[in-house]
Protein backbone atom coordinates (compact mmCIF):
# COMPACT_ATOMS: atom_id res chain seq x y z
CA MET A 1 -0.09 -0.06 -0.03
CA THR A 2 1.40 3.38 -0.41
CA SER A 3 1.17 6.36 1.42
CA ASP A 4 -1.62 7.98 -0.76
CA ASP A 5 -3.60 4.95 -0.04
CA TYR A 6 -3.27 4.34 3.21
CA ILE A 7 -4.21 8.46 4.02
CA LYS A 8 -6.83 8.22 2.09
CA GLN A 9 -8.39 4.06 2.69
CA ARG A 10 -7.56 4.68 6.52
CA LEU A 11 -6.36 7.62 8.06
CA GLN A 12 -8.56 10.37 6.03
CA ASP A 13 -10.88 7.22 6.63
CA GLN A 14 -10.49 7.38 10.41
CA ILE A 15 -10.36 11.09 10.75
CA ASP A 16 -13.81 11.45 9.11
CA TRP A 17 -15.36 8.64 11.24
CA TYR A 18 -13.72 10.50 14.17
CA ASP A 19 -15.19 13.67 13.26
CA ARG A 20 -18.39 12.60 12.71
CA LYS A 21 -18.97 10.56 15.89
CA SER A 22 -17.60 13.56 18.10
CA MET A 23 -20.09 15.68 16.54
CA VAL A 24 -22.92 13.36 17.12
CA ASN A 25 -21.92 12.70 20.77
CA GLN A 26 -21.78 16.30 21.25
CA LYS A 27 -25.05 17.42 20.08
CA LYS A 28 -26.63 14.51 22.17
CA PHE A 29 -24.62 15.41 25.40
CA LYS A 30 -26.06 19.42 25.02
CA GLY A 31 -29.02 19.02 23.79
CA LEU A 32 -29.91 16.24 27.04
CA ARG A 33 -28.11 18.68 29.08
CA THR A 34 -30.23 21.87 27.70
CA MET A 35 -33.52 19.60 28.68
CA GLU A 36 -32.16 18.13 31.95
CA ILE A 37 -31.85 22.24 32.58
CA VAL A 38 -35.08 23.48 31.63
CA CYS A 39 -36.92 20.64 33.13
CA ALA A 40 -35.07 21.90 36.69
CA ALA A 41 -35.95 25.22 36.39
CA PHE A 42 -39.61 24.86 35.20
CA ILE A 43 -39.97 23.32 38.66
CA PRO A 44 -39.15 26.49 41.33
CA PHE A 45 -41.63 27.97 38.86
CA ILE A 46 -44.09 25.65 38.72
CA SER A 47 -44.12 25.54 42.57
CA GLY A 48 -44.59 29.27 42.79
CA VAL A 49 -47.69 29.26 41.13
CA SER A 50 -48.98 26.47 43.03
CA VAL A 51 -48.65 28.98 46.16
CA SER A 52 -49.69 31.67 44.89
CA ILE A 53 -53.09 30.25 42.80
CA PRO A 54 -54.24 27.66 44.63
CA LYS A 55 -55.93 26.16 42.70
CA MET A 56 -53.00 25.18 40.30
CA SER A 57 -51.77 23.03 43.85
CA TRP A 58 -52.63 19.58 42.21
CA PRO A 59 -51.71 20.06 38.70
CA ALA A 60 -48.91 22.11 39.66
CA THR A 61 -47.84 18.45 41.90
CA ILE A 62 -48.15 16.33 39.22
CA LEU A 63 -46.39 18.74 36.81
CA THR A 64 -43.49 19.07 39.69
CA GLY A 65 -43.23 15.32 39.64
CA LEU A 66 -42.99 15.07 35.91
CA LEU A 67 -39.88 17.65 35.48
CA GLY A 68 -38.38 15.67 38.08
CA ILE A 69 -38.56 12.02 36.83
CA ALA A 70 -37.81 13.79 33.31
CA ILE A 71 -34.52 14.92 34.98
CA THR A 72 -33.94 11.50 36.65
CA ILE A 73 -34.34 10.32 32.74
CA ILE A 74 -32.23 12.20 31.52
CA ALA A 75 -29.57 12.51 33.68
CA SER A 76 -29.75 8.66 33.72
CA ILE A 77 -29.27 8.78 29.90
CA LEU A 78 -26.00 11.21 29.78
CA THR A 79 -24.55 9.17 32.61
CA LEU A 80 -25.32 5.37 30.63
CA GLY A 81 -24.34 6.84 27.18
CA LYS A 82 -21.10 8.81 28.01
CA HIS A 83 -21.90 11.32 25.36
CA GLN A 84 -19.57 14.06 27.03
CA GLU A 85 -16.64 11.82 27.51
CA ASN A 86 -17.10 10.31 24.08
CA TRP A 87 -17.35 13.71 22.11
CA ILE A 88 -13.72 14.54 24.25
CA GLU A 89 -12.65 11.48 23.51
CA TYR A 90 -13.51 11.38 19.90
CA ARG A 91 -12.22 15.03 18.91
CA THR A 92 -9.01 14.14 20.56
CA THR A 93 -8.56 11.54 18.68
CA CYS A 94 -9.36 13.02 15.40
CA GLU A 95 -6.96 16.25 16.32
CA SER A 96 -4.41 13.54 17.34
CA LEU A 97 -4.95 12.04 13.71
CA LYS A 98 -5.05 15.38 11.88
CA LYS A 99 -2.05 16.37 13.32
CA GLU A 100 -0.29 13.11 12.35
CA LYS A 101 -1.10 13.40 8.79
CA PHE A 102 -0.43 17.43 8.47
CA LEU A 103 3.11 16.37 9.86
CA PHE A 104 3.45 13.53 7.76
CA LEU A 105 2.59 15.67 4.56
CA MET A 106 4.72 18.67 5.22
CA GLN A 107 7.52 16.21 6.02
CA VAL A 108 8.31 17.63 9.35
CA GLU A 109 9.80 16.05 12.10
CA PRO A 110 9.83 13.45 13.03
CA TYR A 111 8.31 12.35 9.50
CA ASP A 112 11.63 14.03 8.05
CA LYS A 113 13.76 11.04 8.07
CA GLU A 114 13.73 8.09 5.29
CA ASP A 115 11.37 5.54 6.94
CA SER A 116 8.63 8.00 7.54
CA PHE A 117 5.52 6.08 5.56
CA ARG A 118 6.40 3.23 8.14
CA PHE A 119 6.80 5.70 11.23
CA LEU A 120 3.45 7.35 10.48
CA VAL A 121 1.34 3.92 10.15
CA GLN A 122 3.09 3.21 13.65
CA ARG A 123 1.66 5.86 15.01
CA VAL A 124 -1.59 6.47 13.29
CA GLU A 125 -2.09 2.79 14.43
CA THR A 126 -1.49 3.69 17.85
CA LEU A 127 -3.61 6.29 18.58
CA ILE A 128 -6.23 4.17 16.83
CA SER A 129 -5.57 1.04 18.96
CA LYS A 130 -5.55 3.53 21.92
CA GLU A 131 -8.94 4.56 21.42
CA ASN A 132 -10.33 0.52 20.74
CA THR A 133 -8.74 -0.33 23.87
CA ASN A 134 -10.49 2.46 25.93
CA TRP A 135 -13.67 1.54 24.10
CA ALA A 136 -13.25 -2.07 25.36
CA GLN A 137 -12.54 -1.23 28.77
CA PHE A 138 -15.29 0.69 29.17
CA ILE A 139 -17.50 -2.15 27.58
CA SER A 140 -16.50 -4.43 30.06
CA LYS A 141 -15.95 -2.69 33.16
CA PRO A 142 -20.01 -3.87 33.61
CA GLU A 143 -19.54 -7.34 33.62
CA GLU A 144 -15.98 -6.87 35.56
CA LYS A 145 -17.91 -5.21 38.37
CA LYS A 146 -21.08 -7.86 38.21
CA LYS A 147 -18.29 -10.89 38.29
CA GLU A 148 -16.66 -8.74 41.80
CA GLU A 149 -19.66 -8.29 43.59
CA ARG A 150 -20.81 -12.36 42.55
CA HIS A 151 -17.32 -13.57 44.45
CA HIS A 152 -17.42 -10.65 46.64
CA GLY A 153 -21.16 -10.68 47.76
């Protein structure tokens, strides 16, 4: 495989993937967090209305409870999805891959030597492998916790 082929088929493909995934996770995180903030902001308002208008007490109590449930669900989705962590991790990997690509294309240190293509491949694959290892560890953590609880419980 030539360096041009590698850059187009592997490196740029990975840059594009991490860029897309970073943006998706950023949008999910910001959207869910915004919903959580809006729900939380309405609770004191609704409580105030229910005190001011006694006949609104019953609907306000139900609405306040529903908003509390919504906040709990949203917070749980944020924790479970790890959208903020993924957004940051994917963006970091994307930018690191871009940096390697541009350093290589400009033939500047550390890519100013004879075996620069081989060095590029090693560094890029290490970055990708590191991200995959982080993901695998994240996925396996809940299983490891369950095993520990069975052995110690």
